[in-house]
C-alpha atoms as a PDB file:
ATOM      1  CA  MET A   1     229.173 167.688  53.157  1.00  0.00           C
ATOM      2  CA  THR A   2     228.159 164.308  54.590  1.00  0.00           C
ATOM      3  CA  ASP A   3     224.814 162.570  54.383  1.00  0.00           C
ATOM      4  CA  HIS A   4     224.141 162.748  58.110  1.00  0.00           C
ATOM      5  CA  VAL A   5     221.214 164.538  59.735  1.00  0.00           C
ATOM      6  CA  CYS A   6     221.681 166.671  62.835  1.00  0.00           C
ATOM      7  CA  VAL A   7     218.906 167.334  65.340  1.00  0.00           C
ATOM      8  CA  LEU A   8     219.544 169.947  68.020  1.00  0.00           C
ATOM      9  CA  GLY A   9     217.526 169.233  71.149  1.00  0.00           C
ATOM     10  CA  GLY A  10     216.807 165.858  72.734  1.00  0.00           C
ATOM     11  CA  GLY A  11     213.306 166.385  74.083  1.00  0.00           C
ATOM     12  CA  SER A  12     210.477 164.132  72.946  1.00  0.00           C
ATOM     13  CA  TRP A  13     209.942 165.825  69.558  1.00  0.00           C
ATOM     14  CA  GLY A  14     213.633 166.238  68.782  1.00  0.00           C
ATOM     15  CA  THR A  15     214.265 162.590  69.626  1.00  0.00           C
ATOM     16  CA  ILE A  16     211.405 161.506  67.373  1.00  0.00           C
ATOM     17  CA  LEU A  17     212.721 163.556  64.456  1.00  0.00           C
ATOM     18  CA  ALA A  18     216.120 161.914  64.872  1.00  0.00           C
ATOM     19  CA  HIS A  19     214.411 158.523  65.020  1.00  0.00           C
ATOM     20  CA  LEU A  20     212.462 159.247  61.816  1.00  0.00           C
ATOM     21  CA  ALA A  21     215.622 160.322  59.990  1.00  0.00           C
ATOM     22  CA  GLY A  22     217.260 157.093  61.098  1.00  0.00           C
ATOM     23  CA  LEU A  23     214.311 155.019  59.926  1.00  0.00           C
ATOM     24  CA  ALA A  24     214.580 156.767  56.557  1.00  0.00           C
ATOM     25  CA  GLY A  25     218.070 155.260  56.322  1.00  0.00           C
ATOM     26  CA  HIS A  26     220.282 158.162  57.368  1.00  0.00           C
ATOM     27  CA  LYS A  27     222.954 158.401  60.033  1.00  0.00           C
ATOM     28  CA  THR A  28     221.672 160.926  62.568  1.00  0.00           C
ATOM     29  CA  LEU A  29     223.334 162.816  65.396  1.00  0.00           C
ATOM     30  CA  LEU A  30     221.138 164.068  68.236  1.00  0.00           C
ATOM     31  CA  TYR A  31     222.731 166.952  70.129  1.00  0.00           C
ATOM     32  CA  MET A  32     221.941 167.085  73.854  1.00  0.00           C
ATOM     33  CA  ARG A  33     223.693 168.858  76.696  1.00  0.00           C
ATOM     34  CA  ASN A  34     222.988 166.065  79.197  1.00  0.00           C
ATOM     35  CA  GLU A  35     225.925 163.638  79.160  1.00  0.00           C
ATOM     36  CA  GLU A  36     224.017 160.827  80.889  1.00  0.00           C
ATOM     37  CA  ARG A  37     221.218 160.996  78.312  1.00  0.00           C
ATOM     38  CA  VAL A  38     223.746 160.907  75.472  1.00  0.00           C
ATOM     39  CA  ALA A  39     225.477 157.915  77.028  1.00  0.00           C
ATOM     40  CA  GLU A  40     222.131 156.122  77.383  1.00  0.00           C
ATOM     41  CA  LEU A  41     221.215 156.806  73.755  1.00  0.00           C
ATOM     42  CA  ASN A  42     224.565 155.548  72.481  1.00  0.00           C
ATOM     43  CA  ALA A  43     224.561 152.449  74.668  1.00  0.00           C
ATOM     44  CA  GLN A  44     220.898 151.440  74.660  1.00  0.00           C
ATOM     45  CA  SER A  45     219.233 153.381  71.799  1.00  0.00           C
ATOM     46  CA  THR A  46     216.673 154.793  74.233  1.00  0.00           C
ATOM     47  CA  ASN A  47     215.737 158.171  75.713  1.00  0.00           C
ATOM     48  CA  THR A  48     213.802 157.034  78.769  1.00  0.00           C
ATOM     49  CA  ARG A  49     213.463 160.568  80.122  1.00  0.00           C
ATOM     50  CA  TYR A  50     210.984 161.413  77.378  1.00  0.00           C
ATOM     51  CA  LEU A  51     209.999 158.222  75.543  1.00  0.00           C
ATOM     52  CA  GLY A  52     210.337 155.444  78.082  1.00  0.00           C
ATOM     53  CA  GLU A  53     211.900 152.148  77.098  1.00  0.00           C
ATOM     54  CA  THR A  54     210.804 152.326  73.460  1.00  0.00           C
ATOM     55  CA  PRO A  55     213.849 151.486  71.323  1.00  0.00           C
ATOM     56  CA  LEU A  56     214.991 154.086  68.802  1.00  0.00           C
ATOM     57  CA  CYS A  57     216.536 153.452  65.401  1.00  0.00           C
ATOM     58  CA  ASP A  58     220.106 152.226  65.732  1.00  0.00           C
ATOM     59  CA  LYS A  59     221.244 154.784  63.151  1.00  0.00           C
ATOM     60  CA  VAL A  60     220.715 157.519  65.779  1.00  0.00           C
ATOM     61  CA  GLY A  61     223.663 158.519  67.957  1.00  0.00           C
ATOM     62  CA  GLY A  62     224.015 161.202  70.580  1.00  0.00           C
ATOM     63  CA  THR A  63     226.643 163.872  71.158  1.00  0.00           C
ATOM     64  CA  THR A  64     227.245 166.770  73.520  1.00  0.00           C
ATOM     65  CA  VAL A  65     229.629 168.406  71.045  1.00  0.00           C
ATOM     66  CA  LEU A  66     227.814 171.001  68.954  1.00  0.00           C
ATOM     67  CA  GLU A  67     230.545 171.223  66.314  1.00  0.00           C
ATOM     68  CA  GLU A  68     230.455 167.460  65.774  1.00  0.00           C
ATOM     69  CA  ALA A  69     226.671 167.550  65.413  1.00  0.00           C
ATOM     70  CA  VAL A  70     226.296 170.336  62.857  1.00  0.00           C
ATOM     71  CA  SER A  71     229.515 170.261  60.848  1.00  0.00           C
ATOM     72  CA  GLY A  72     228.883 168.944  57.367  1.00  0.00           C
ATOM     73  CA  ALA A  73     225.299 167.851  58.107  1.00  0.00           C
ATOM     74  CA  ALA A  74     223.072 167.612  55.033  1.00  0.00           C
ATOM     75  CA  LEU A  75     220.145 168.759  57.194  1.00  0.00           C
ATOM     76  CA  VAL A  76     220.166 170.539  60.567  1.00  0.00           C
ATOM     77  CA  ILE A  77     216.927 170.554  62.554  1.00  0.00           C
ATOM     78  CA  PHE A  78     216.534 172.983  65.452  1.00  0.00           C
ATOM     79  CA  CYS A  79     214.270 171.526  68.121  1.00  0.00           C
ATOM     80  CA  VAL A  80     215.237 173.408  71.278  1.00  0.00           C
ATOM     81  CA  PRO A  81     212.761 175.526  73.305  1.00  0.00           C
ATOM     82  CA  SER A  82     211.999 178.915  71.786  1.00  0.00           C
ATOM     83  CA  TYR A  83     213.728 180.745  74.641  1.00  0.00           C
ATOM     84  CA  ALA A  84     216.991 178.939  73.804  1.00  0.00           C
ATOM     85  CA  THR A  85     216.820 179.032  70.001  1.00  0.00           C
ATOM     86  CA  ARG A  86     218.710 182.295  69.518  1.00  0.00           C
ATOM     87  CA  LYS A  87     221.533 181.207  71.816  1.00  0.00           C
ATOM     88  CA  ILE A  88     221.899 177.764  70.244  1.00  0.00           C
ATOM     89  CA  ALA A  89     221.645 179.212  66.731  1.00  0.00           C
ATOM     90  CA  GLY A  90     224.395 181.688  67.551  1.00  0.00           C
ATOM     91  CA  LEU A  91     226.647 178.932  68.849  1.00  0.00           C
ATOM     92  CA  ALA A  92     225.869 176.592  65.959  1.00  0.00           C
ATOM     93  CA  GLY A  93     226.414 179.432  63.522  1.00  0.00           C
ATOM     94  CA  GLU A  94     230.147 179.250  64.197  1.00  0.00           C
ATOM     95  CA  PHE A  95     230.253 175.816  62.537  1.00  0.00           C
ATOM     96  CA  LEU A  96     227.527 176.060  59.869  1.00  0.00           C
ATOM     97  CA  THR A  97     228.264 176.883  56.243  1.00  0.00           C
ATOM     98  CA  GLY A  98     226.107 178.668  53.706  1.00  0.00           C
ATOM     99  CA  ASP A  99     225.389 175.563  51.629  1.00  0.00           C
ATOM    100  CA  GLN A 100     223.675 173.713  54.477  1.00  0.00           C
ATOM    101  CA  ILE A 101     219.921 173.509  55.094  1.00  0.00           C
ATOM    102  CA  CYS A 102     218.205 174.237  58.421  1.00  0.00           C
ATOM    103  CA  LEU A 103     214.651 173.542  59.529  1.00  0.00           C
ATOM    104  CA  SER A 104     213.010 174.721  62.740  1.00  0.00           C
ATOM    105  CA  ALA A 105     210.765 172.267  64.560  1.00  0.00           C
ATOM    106  CA  THR A 106     210.122 174.599  67.509  1.00  0.00           C
ATOM    107  CA  LYS A 107     206.557 175.893  67.765  1.00  0.00           C
ATOM    108  CA  GLY A 108     207.020 179.237  69.461  1.00  0.00           C
ATOM    109  CA  LEU A 109     207.581 182.971  69.073  1.00  0.00           C
ATOM    110  CA  GLU A 110     210.334 185.144  70.484  1.00  0.00           C
ATOM    111  CA  PRO A 111     209.256 187.750  73.066  1.00  0.00           C
ATOM    112  CA  GLU A 112     209.923 191.421  72.338  1.00  0.00           C
ATOM    113  CA  THR A 113     210.828 190.848  68.666  1.00  0.00           C
ATOM    114  CA  PHE A 114     207.813 188.625  67.805  1.00  0.00           C
ATOM    115  CA  HIS A 115     210.158 186.709  65.508  1.00  0.00           C
ATOM    116  CA  ARG A 116     209.406 183.201  64.351  1.00  0.00           C
ATOM    117  CA  MET A 117     212.110 180.610  64.946  1.00  0.00           C
ATOM    118  CA  SER A 118     213.156 180.384  61.291  1.00  0.00           C
ATOM    119  CA  GLU A 119     213.732 184.137  61.376  1.00  0.00           C
ATOM    120  CA  VAL A 120     215.922 183.779  64.459  1.00  0.00           C
ATOM    121  CA  ILE A 121     217.993 181.084  62.735  1.00  0.00           C
ATOM    122  CA  ARG A 122     218.433 183.304  59.673  1.00  0.00           C
ATOM    123  CA  GLN A 123     219.627 186.168  61.876  1.00  0.00           C
ATOM    124  CA  GLU A 124     222.107 184.120  63.894  1.00  0.00           C
ATOM    125  CA  THR A 125     223.619 181.964  61.138  1.00  0.00           C
ATOM    126  CA  CYS A 126     224.825 182.259  57.543  1.00  0.00           C
ATOM    127  CA  ILE A 127     222.145 179.828  56.371  1.00  0.00           C
ATOM    128  CA  LYS A 128     219.718 181.068  53.719  1.00  0.00           C
ATOM    129  CA  LYS A 129     217.856 177.844  52.992  1.00  0.00           C
ATOM    130  CA  VAL A 130     215.772 177.831  56.155  1.00  0.00           C
ATOM    131  CA  GLY A 131     212.328 176.359  56.736  1.00  0.00           C
ATOM    132  CA  ALA A 132     209.996 174.975  59.362  1.00  0.00           C
ATOM    133  CA  ILE A 133     208.426 171.649  60.321  1.00  0.00           C
ATOM    134  CA  SER A 134     204.948 171.637  61.824  1.00  0.00           C
ATOM    135  CA  GLY A 135     201.902 169.404  61.998  1.00  0.00           C
ATOM    136  CA  PRO A 136     199.776 167.083  64.152  1.00  0.00           C
ATOM    137  CA  ASN A 137     202.691 165.113  65.551  1.00  0.00           C
ATOM    138  CA  LEU A 138     202.412 163.580  69.016  1.00  0.00           C
ATOM    139  CA  ALA A 139     205.769 162.008  69.780  1.00  0.00           C
ATOM    140  CA  LYS A 140     204.529 158.932  71.635  1.00  0.00           C
ATOM    141  CA  GLU A 141     202.181 157.954  68.826  1.00  0.00           C
ATOM    142  CA  ILE A 142     204.897 158.326  66.190  1.00  0.00           C
ATOM    143  CA  VAL A 143     207.480 156.307  68.111  1.00  0.00           C
ATOM    144  CA  ALA A 144     204.853 153.568  68.448  1.00  0.00           C
ATOM    145  CA  GLY A 145     204.775 153.388  64.652  1.00  0.00           C
ATOM    146  CA  GLN A 146     201.345 154.922  64.167  1.00  0.00           C
ATOM    147  CA  PRO A 147     200.771 156.710  60.827  1.00  0.00           C
ATOM    148  CA  SER A 148     201.296 160.472  60.903  1.00  0.00           C
ATOM    149  CA  ALA A 149     201.996 163.413  58.597  1.00  0.00           C
ATOM    150  CA  THR A 150     203.687 166.784  58.801  1.00  0.00           C
ATOM    151  CA  VAL A 151     204.435 169.895  56.745  1.00  0.00           C
ATOM    152  CA  VAL A 152     207.849 171.211  55.744  1.00  0.00           C
ATOM    153  CA  ALA A 153     207.571 174.859  54.745  1.00  0.00           C
ATOM    154  CA  SER A 154     210.231 176.940  53.029  1.00  0.00           C
ATOM    155  CA  ARG A 155     210.719 179.443  50.235  1.00  0.00           C
ATOM    156  CA  TYR A 156     213.469 177.135  49.002  1.00  0.00           C
ATOM    157  CA  THR A 157     212.559 173.978  47.115  1.00  0.00           C
ATOM    158  CA  GLU A 158     215.817 172.408  48.306  1.00  0.00           C
ATOM    159  CA  ALA A 159     214.741 172.750  51.938  1.00  0.00           C
ATOM    160  CA  ILE A 160     211.362 171.137  51.291  1.00  0.00           C
ATOM    161  CA  ARG A 161     213.045 168.366  49.318  1.00  0.00           C
ATOM    162  CA  ALA A 162     215.535 167.796  52.155  1.00  0.00           C
ATOM    163  CA  GLY A 163     212.712 167.462  54.675  1.00  0.00           C
ATOM    164  CA  ALA A 164     211.033 164.871  52.494  1.00  0.00           C
ATOM    165  CA  THR A 165     214.280 163.037  51.704  1.00  0.00           C
ATOM    166  CA  TYR A 166     215.456 162.732  55.279  1.00  0.00           C
ATOM    167  CA  LEU A 167     212.173 162.289  57.183  1.00  0.00           C
ATOM    168  CA  HIS A 168     209.571 160.735  54.879  1.00  0.00           C
ATOM    169  CA  GLY A 169     208.913 157.053  55.564  1.00  0.00           C
ATOM    170  CA  ASP A 170     206.340 154.266  55.505  1.00  0.00           C
ATOM    171  CA  THR A 171     204.458 155.670  58.507  1.00  0.00           C
ATOM    172  CA  PHE A 172     205.395 159.349  58.270  1.00  0.00           C
ATOM    173  CA  ARG A 173     204.321 161.484  55.315  1.00  0.00           C
ATOM    174  CA  VAL A 174     205.930 164.838  54.560  1.00  0.00           C
ATOM    175  CA  TYR A 175     204.037 167.515  52.642  1.00  0.00           C
ATOM    176  CA  GLY A 176     205.542 170.719  51.273  1.00  0.00           C
ATOM    177  CA  ASN A 177     204.347 174.309  51.667  1.00  0.00           C
ATOM    178  CA  THR A 178     205.886 177.641  50.678  1.00  0.00           C
ATOM    179  CA  ASP A 179     204.022 179.682  53.336  1.00  0.00           C
ATOM    180  CA  VAL A 180     206.657 179.619  56.074  1.00  0.00           C
ATOM    181  CA  ALA A 181     205.062 182.362  58.158  1.00  0.00           C
ATOM    182  CA  GLY A 182     201.643 180.730  58.088  1.00  0.00           C
ATOM    183  CA  VAL A 183     202.963 177.312  59.040  1.00  0.00           C
ATOM    184  CA  GLU A 184     205.030 178.676  61.926  1.00  0.00           C
ATOM    185  CA  LEU A 185     202.277 180.949  63.226  1.00  0.00           C
ATOM    186  CA  ALA A 186     199.735 178.127  63.091  1.00  0.00           C
ATOM    187  CA  GLY A 187     202.088 175.809  64.975  1.00  0.00           C
ATOM    188  CA  ALA A 188     202.808 178.344  67.681  1.00  0.00           C
ATOM    189  CA  LEU A 189     199.346 179.831  68.186  1.00  0.00           C
ATOM    190  CA  LYS A 190     197.459 176.536  68.357  1.00  0.00           C
ATOM    191  CA  ASN A 191     199.197 175.874  71.685  1.00  0.00           C
ATOM    192  CA  VAL A 192     197.322 178.819  73.186  1.00  0.00           C
ATOM    193  CA  ILE A 193     193.972 177.385  72.119  1.00  0.00           C
ATOM    194  CA  ALA A 194     195.068 174.004  73.475  1.00  0.00           C
ATOM    195  CA  ILE A 195     195.462 175.530  76.934  1.00  0.00           C
ATOM    196  CA  ALA A 196     191.903 176.858  76.688  1.00  0.00           C
ATOM    197  CA  SER A 197     190.674 173.468  75.469  1.00  0.00           C
ATOM    198  CA  GLY A 198     192.324 171.646  78.353  1.00  0.00           C
ATOM    199  CA  CYS A 199     190.762 174.125  80.722  1.00  0.00           C
ATOM    200  CA  VAL A 200     187.184 173.618  79.540  1.00  0.00           C
ATOM    201  CA  SER A 201     187.769 169.860  79.549  1.00  0.00           C
ATOM    202  CA  GLY A 202     189.004 170.093  83.118  1.00  0.00           C
ATOM    203  CA  LEU A 203     185.868 171.999  84.066  1.00  0.00           C
ATOM    204  CA  GLY A 204     183.792 169.061  82.871  1.00  0.00           C
ATOM    205  CA  TYR A 205     182.269 170.576  79.747  1.00  0.00           C
ATOM    206  CA  GLY A 206     181.414 168.381  76.795  1.00  0.00           C
ATOM    207  CA  VAL A 207     182.339 168.329  73.134  1.00  0.00           C
ATOM    208  CA  ASN A 208     179.990 171.171  72.129  1.00  0.00           C
ATOM    209  CA  VAL A 209     182.056 173.685  74.080  1.00  0.00           C
ATOM    210  CA  ARG A 210     185.366 172.338  72.839  1.00  0.00           C
ATOM    211  CA  ALA A 211     184.195 172.236  69.225  1.00  0.00           C
ATOM    212  CA  ALA A 212     183.112 175.871  69.404  1.00  0.00           C
ATOM    213  CA  LEU A 213     186.345 176.818  71.139  1.00  0.00           C
ATOM    214  CA  VAL A 214     188.567 175.107  68.567  1.00  0.00           C
ATOM    215  CA  THR A 215     186.623 176.541  65.647  1.00  0.00           C
ATOM    216  CA  ARG A 216     186.666 180.100  66.942  1.00  0.00           C
ATOM    217  CA  GLY A 217     190.270 179.635  68.037  1.00  0.00           C
ATOM    218  CA  LEU A 218     191.181 178.761  64.473  1.00  0.00           C
ATOM    219  CA  ALA A 219     189.335 181.888  63.293  1.00  0.00           C
ATOM    220  CA  GLU A 220     191.442 184.187  65.438  1.00  0.00           C
ATOM    221  CA  ILE A 221     194.685 182.394  64.550  1.00  0.00           C
ATOM    222  CA  GLN A 222     193.835 182.851  60.889  1.00  0.00           C
ATOM    223  CA  ARG A 223     192.945 186.530  61.445  1.00  0.00           C
ATOM    224  CA  LEU A 224     196.360 187.271  62.854  1.00  0.00           C
ATOM    225  CA  GLY A 225     198.147 185.104  60.298  1.00  0.00           C
ATOM    226  CA  VAL A 226     196.447 186.770  57.325  1.00  0.00           C
ATOM    227  CA  LYS A 227     197.133 190.208  58.778  1.00  0.00           C
ATOM    228  CA  LEU A 228     200.808 189.256  58.880  1.00  0.00           C
ATOM    229  CA  GLY A 229     200.779 188.131  55.250  1.00  0.00           C
ATOM    230  CA  SER A 230     200.085 184.398  55.519  1.00  0.00           C
ATOM    231  CA  ASP A 231     197.996 182.412  53.051  1.00  0.00           C
ATOM    232  CA  PRO A 232     194.564 181.764  54.638  1.00  0.00           C
ATOM    233  CA  LEU A 233     194.513 178.249  53.132  1.00  0.00           C
ATOM    234  CA  THR A 234     197.522 177.268  55.263  1.00  0.00           C
ATOM    235  CA  PHE A 235     195.301 177.316  58.340  1.00  0.00           C
ATOM    236  CA  SER A 236     193.030 174.685  56.775  1.00  0.00           C
ATOM    237  CA  GLY A 237     195.953 172.293  56.406  1.00  0.00           C
ATOM    238  CA  LEU A 238     197.998 169.995  58.623  1.00  0.00           C
ATOM    239  CA  ALA A 239     199.835 172.827  60.367  1.00  0.00           C
ATOM    240  CA  GLY A 240     196.534 174.610  61.045  1.00  0.00           C
ATOM    241  CA  ILE A 241     193.372 172.650  61.733  1.00  0.00           C
ATOM    242  CA  GLY A 242     195.287 169.361  61.777  1.00  0.00           C
ATOM    243  CA  ASP A 243     197.618 170.352  64.597  1.00  0.00           C
ATOM    244  CA  LEU A 244     194.837 172.222  66.372  1.00  0.00           C
ATOM    245  CA  MET A 245     192.619 169.118  66.478  1.00  0.00           C
ATOM    246  CA  VAL A 246     195.388 166.994  67.969  1.00  0.00           C
ATOM    247  CA  THR A 247     196.689 169.487  70.506  1.00  0.00           C
ATOM    248  CA  CYS A 248     193.239 170.503  71.697  1.00  0.00           C
ATOM    249  CA  GLY A 249     191.976 166.964  72.186  1.00  0.00           C
ATOM    250  CA  SER A 250     194.757 164.781  73.529  1.00  0.00           C
ATOM    251  CA  GLU A 251     196.015 164.175  77.041  1.00  0.00           C
ATOM    252  CA  LEU A 252     199.433 163.664  75.438  1.00  0.00           C
ATOM    253  CA  SER A 253     199.510 167.379  74.605  1.00  0.00           C
ATOM    254  CA  ARG A 254     201.543 169.366  77.130  1.00  0.00           C
ATOM    255  CA  ASN A 255     199.565 172.531  76.554  1.00  0.00           C
ATOM    256  CA  PHE A 256     196.257 170.688  76.951  1.00  0.00           C
ATOM    257  CA  ARG A 257     197.536 169.436  80.311  1.00  0.00           C
ATOM    258  CA  VAL A 258     198.457 172.993  81.293  1.00  0.00           C
ATOM    259  CA  GLY A 259     194.814 173.926  80.802  1.00  0.00           C
ATOM    260  CA  ARG A 260     193.643 170.937  82.818  1.00  0.00           C
ATOM    261  CA  GLY A 261     195.956 171.975  85.621  1.00  0.00           C
ATOM    262  CA  ILE A 262     194.626 175.531  85.609  1.00  0.00           C
ATOM    263  CA  ALA A 263     191.065 174.198  85.806  1.00  0.00           C
ATOM    264  CA  ALA A 264     192.103 172.107  88.808  1.00  0.00           C
ATOM    265  CA  GLY A 265     193.348 175.223  90.585  1.00  0.00           C
ATOM    266  CA  LYS A 266     197.052 174.358  90.399  1.00  0.00           C
ATOM    267  CA  SER A 267     199.705 177.050  90.182  1.00  0.00           C
ATOM    268  CA  LEU A 268     201.552 177.527  86.923  1.00  0.00           C
ATOM    269  CA  ASP A 269     204.842 176.587  88.609  1.00  0.00           C
ATOM    270  CA  ALA A 270     203.357 173.328  89.894  1.00  0.00           C
ATOM    271  CA  ILE A 271     201.905 172.511  86.482  1.00  0.00           C
ATOM    272  CA  CYS A 272     205.234 173.067  84.718  1.00  0.00           C
ATOM    273  CA  GLU A 273     207.080 170.983  87.290  1.00  0.00           C
ATOM    274  CA  GLU A 274     204.664 168.099  86.750  1.00  0.00           C
ATOM    275  CA  LEU A 275     205.062 168.314  82.971  1.00  0.00           C
ATOM    276  CA  GLY A 276     208.846 168.055  83.058  1.00  0.00           C
ATOM    277  CA  GLU A 277     208.995 169.607  79.584  1.00  0.00           C
ATOM    278  CA  VAL A 278     208.454 173.069  78.145  1.00  0.00           C
ATOM    279  CA  ALA A 279     204.863 173.958  77.286  1.00  0.00           C
ATOM    280  CA  GLU A 280     205.428 176.573  74.579  1.00  0.00           C
ATOM    281  CA  GLY A 281     201.857 177.824  74.811  1.00  0.00           C
ATOM    282  CA  ILE A 282     202.568 179.671  78.055  1.00  0.00           C
ATOM    283  CA  ASN A 283     205.170 181.950  76.500  1.00  0.00           C
ATOM    284  CA  THR A 284     203.297 182.117  73.188  1.00  0.00           C
ATOM    285  CA  THR A 285     200.156 183.391  74.925  1.00  0.00           C
ATOM    286  CA  ARG A 286     202.010 186.420  76.249  1.00  0.00           C
ATOM    287  CA  VAL A 287     203.748 187.086  72.930  1.00  0.00           C
ATOM    288  CA  ALA A 288     200.582 186.579  70.879  1.00  0.00           C
ATOM    289  CA  ASN A 289     198.600 189.033  72.988  1.00  0.00           C
ATOM    290  CA  ALA A 290     201.275 191.691  72.572  1.00  0.00           C
ATOM    291  CA  LEU A 291     201.512 191.014  68.836  1.00  0.00           C
ATOM    292  CA  ALA A 292     197.732 191.091  68.372  1.00  0.00           C
ATOM    293  CA  GLN A 293     197.540 194.416  70.190  1.00  0.00           C
ATOM    294  CA  GLN A 294     200.305 195.837  68.006  1.00  0.00           C
ATOM    295  CA  GLU A 295     198.574 194.659  64.809  1.00  0.00           C
ATOM    296  CA  GLY A 296     195.072 195.650  65.892  1.00  0.00           C
ATOM    297  CA  VAL A 297     193.736 192.087  65.625  1.00  0.00           C
ATOM    298  CA  ALA A 298     191.099 190.898  68.072  1.00  0.00           C
ATOM    299  CA  MET A 299     191.956 187.552  69.687  1.00  0.00           C
ATOM    300  CA  PRO A 300     189.508 187.164  72.577  1.00  0.00           C
ATOM    301  CA  ILE A 301     190.315 183.527  73.366  1.00  0.00           C
ATOM    302  CA  THR A 302     194.033 184.229  73.426  1.00  0.00           C
ATOM    303  CA  GLU A 303     193.350 187.256  75.598  1.00  0.00           C
ATOM    304  CA  GLY A 304     191.334 185.083  77.971  1.00  0.00           C
ATOM    305  CA  VAL A 305     194.108 182.500  78.221  1.00  0.00           C
ATOM    306  CA  GLY A 306     196.465 185.338  79.080  1.00  0.00           C
ATOM    307  CA  LEU A 307     194.244 186.266  82.008  1.00  0.00           C
ATOM    308  CA  LEU A 308     194.255 182.641  83.178  1.00  0.00           C
ATOM    309  CA  ILE A 309     198.030 182.367  83.019  1.00  0.00           C
ATOM    310  CA  SER A 310     198.547 185.606  84.898  1.00  0.00           C
ATOM    311  CA  GLY A 311     195.963 184.631  87.497  1.00  0.00           C
ATOM    312  CA  GLU A 312     193.864 187.725  86.782  1.00  0.00           C
ATOM    313  CA  ALA A 313     190.688 185.730  86.082  1.00  0.00           C
ATOM    314  CA  THR A 314     189.203 182.321  86.792  1.00  0.00           C
ATOM    315  CA  PRO A 315     188.298 179.882  83.998  1.00  0.00           C
ATOM    316  CA  GLN A 316     184.598 180.460  84.619  1.00  0.00           C
ATOM    317  CA  GLU A 317     185.020 184.233  84.440  1.00  0.00           C
ATOM    318  CA  VAL A 318     186.847 183.960  81.116  1.00  0.00           C
ATOM    319  CA  LEU A 319     184.225 181.602  79.697  1.00  0.00           C
ATOM    320  CA  THR A 320     181.400 183.876  80.806  1.00  0.00           C
ATOM    321  CA  ASP A 321     183.086 186.860  79.167  1.00  0.00           C
ATOM    322  CA  LEU A 322     183.497 184.988  75.888  1.00  0.00           C
ATOM    323  CA  MET A 323     179.897 183.785  75.862  1.00  0.00           C
ATOM    324  CA  THR A 324     178.392 187.199  76.622  1.00  0.00           C
ATOM    325  CA  ARG A 325     180.200 189.172  73.910  1.00  0.00           C
ATOM    326  CA  ALA A 326     178.073 190.890  71.288  1.00  0.00           C
ATOM    327  CA  ALA A 327     176.882 188.672  68.428  1.00  0.00           C
ATOM    328  CA  ARG A 328     178.847 188.865  65.190  1.00  0.00           C
ATOM    329  CA  TYR A 329     178.839 187.370  61.732  1.00  0.00           C
ATOM    330  CA  GLU A 330     180.829 184.144  61.606  1.00  0.00           C
ATOM    331  CA  ILE A 331     182.811 185.281  58.555  1.00  0.00           C
ATOM    332  CA  ASP A 332     184.101 188.744  59.245  1.00  0.00           C
ATOM    333  CA  PHE A 333     186.881 190.399  57.318  1.00  0.00           C
ATOM    334  CA  ASP A 334     187.297 193.151  59.876  1.00  0.00           C
ATOM    335  CA  TYR A 335     190.451 192.036  61.697  1.00  0.00           C
ATOM    336  CA  SER A 336     189.456 194.017  64.763  1.00  0.00           C
ATOM    337  CA  ALA A 337     186.166 192.120  65.108  1.00  0.00           C
ATOM    338  CA  GLU A 338     185.928 190.466  68.492  1.00  0.00           C
ATOM    339  CA  VAL A 339     184.516 187.036  67.689  1.00  0.00           C
END
């Protein structure tokens, strides 16, 4: 086993994770399928497609060869879109060994199975020491050197320790958590609320509406998470309220921009084309609604976002429906309660 870190997926977040590992003093290989982007990274230490001309740590190199990237890596981080995670995990699984450690940095859920990404990695590889990375982490702020923090969650102390060892630095703090399900669910589901937040912002509403939306959005995320066995305190941490605050309030958030586009009357195809990157909240909305229905958990905001994405309702119709629901207690332990 070598001391190098492998990051699979050269989007903005994957590139940043590779950059952070490099800054922490470790040789890092960033796996990307695009040969031109790999050549640029190796020659110029930049990934202009996602992060402009900002220089990356010179300890980061690129490769299009999956075996080269994962073989012998002390830490393998999956940061590909959720729809591609199972395929990439299956391919990488041919070269991984049982003593390696894998972390998922993808904030999404698999359709049909409802599996979290760490579960997909476990199924497709021989790796047991699997965990997840999640938190309020906007790539462009981190690459600019602004202070930030994240959570590494795993049932294995070695995986948490690896996340801290290979990513923690002067401007990036890594906290540990053993509630893998809670951290992954929080990271995935907050993207749905971010779409709603971008939508109400695009409609011209002020901070009162967005504050209520984020707060009640957190309540329904926690309802589903607790029903699925997560620790309720996880949703008060960086992966929960921390990530929710960032994603629901920043123009740098892809999912927030999806909501703004919907409010402007743009088609979903046009919005995604403008983004140029995957907005996981679109897929997660559909999966979360199906999962909530299966578990008997009321998630009215998520349901409303589903109607927006499918074009079955306008933003104003969804907002009116949410505001005219029957009054409820704020703290309600009945998971089927509407709001």
